[in-house]
Amino acid sequence: MLPARNRMRRSTEFDATVKRGVRAAQPDVVVHLRRPPDGDAATGPQAPHVGLIVGKSVGSAVERHRVSRRLRHVARSVLGELGASDQLVIRALPGSRTASSARLAEELRRGLRRALEVAGRDR
C-alpha cells in the first residue's frame, strides 16, 4: 500500500500529469511523469505523488482491483527514485490483467527510467 502522503487524489493533479508530463509506454503499463519547473518545487507537494488509472478495458471490477493492488505495491518500491515534487501516473493497459507482478514491476521500472531520462533533458 502506498503511504497516504504519496497518494494522488485530485483530478487536477491527474490531468496535469497526463497532459503535461513525459510519457513512457510499455506493453502493459504507460507511465506519465511530471516534474514541476524549479520555481514551482517549493510550492508543490513535499513528497512524490503517485496515481493509478485502471480503466474498464482491463477487465471486471475484481480484476481491476487486483491490478491496482499489484501496481500500488510496485509503485511503493520506486518512490525512492522520484524527486520530492514529482508526480507519477501509472495507466494500466488490458495486458496488465494477465501479467505477473514481476513483469509489471520490471515494466514500471523501465518506463520510469525512460521518463526520468527524458524529463531530465527537458530541464
Foldseek 3Di string as FASTA:
>chain_A
DAPPLQEDDDVVLVVCQVPVFFWFDDPWKIKGKDDDPPVCQVVAAQFEHEEEAEDCLLDDPVLSVVLVVLVNVLVNVCRVVDHRRMYMYMYGHNVSSVDDSVVSSVRVVVNVVVRVVVVVVVD
